[in-house]
Amino acid sequence: MKKYLLLTALSFAVITSSIAQTGSKYGTDSVTCITNISLFNEYFKQNNFVDALEPWRWVFSNCPAATKRTYLNGATMFEKLIADEKDPAVKSKYLDSLLAIYDQRIQYFGEEGLVLGKKALAIYDFAPERKEEINALFKKSVEKEGPKSGPAVLYKYFQVNTELFAEKKITKEDVIDVYDQVSEQIDANLEGPDSANYDKSRMNVETFFGPFATCEDLVEIYTPRLKATPDNVVLLRKIVNLFGKKDVMMQQFICRLQKISTKQNPLQKLL
């Protein structure tokens, strides 16, 4: 089988050998690059990740811009290797390789926001104790992607914030701010083609948000903000969404807002 794979790869390399003189995306040794791409692809199709490692590493190091599949299939391969590995030291090295894949993919193929989200999810899955690093990656990803952020990224971003709060590393106000951020992006996708997954994300986020949604906490957090910017429509809209229009406490808070806001009171337009 290995002989067959090598012959296949060499045949493909001969056909494309003219690339060697062009200084193209296949690097300075394009024939070897294409040979190793072919070998990796064949081993990958067979789920033979042990033999796939060597040609993959060559491509990753020597012709990193050759094909995006080096990163797509490489990430899949290392996720499987990490999941199956029992030795913590080897598992850690595999994780380092997986994270390097995401970094180098950004370098050569862009999509920084999308890829940072994938990187954050990978660390969350395989090294969940690195919460602050995970949170920073999610934050940057969501800021760049906005409503294009995936449902898993949005849900996990909020979840890791609740965990950081439990460890007393962030405030309740921080958690509420992230809730508002992810809820806005989820809501923007509830009528889209992936609405079912975004709806699952929404339900998960709401479950985790429960302990942070007391009216007393919201009043304490948002009253000083509103006093500072009494006619901030964006802030007022956030308050209305968080409290819910039918909440009894909301009615009490409205009275407080009316005393704070100016005569034009933009709050009335939101109710």
Foldseek 3Di string as FASTA:
>chain_A
DVVVQQVVLQVVLVVVVVCCPVCDLCANRNSLLSSLVSSLVVCLVVLVLVSNVPSLVCNCPGRVQPDLCSLVSLLVNLVVVLVPDDDPVVSVVSLVVNLVSLVSCCVRPNPQLASLLVNLVSCCVRPVVPLVSSLVSLVVSCVVCPLNDDLVSLLVNLVSVLVCVVVVNDDLVVSLVSLLRSVVSLVVPCPDPPNVSSVVSVVSNCVSCVVSLDLVNLCVPLVVVCLVPLQPVVSLLSSCVSQPPPHPSVVVVVVVSVVRHDPVRPNVVND
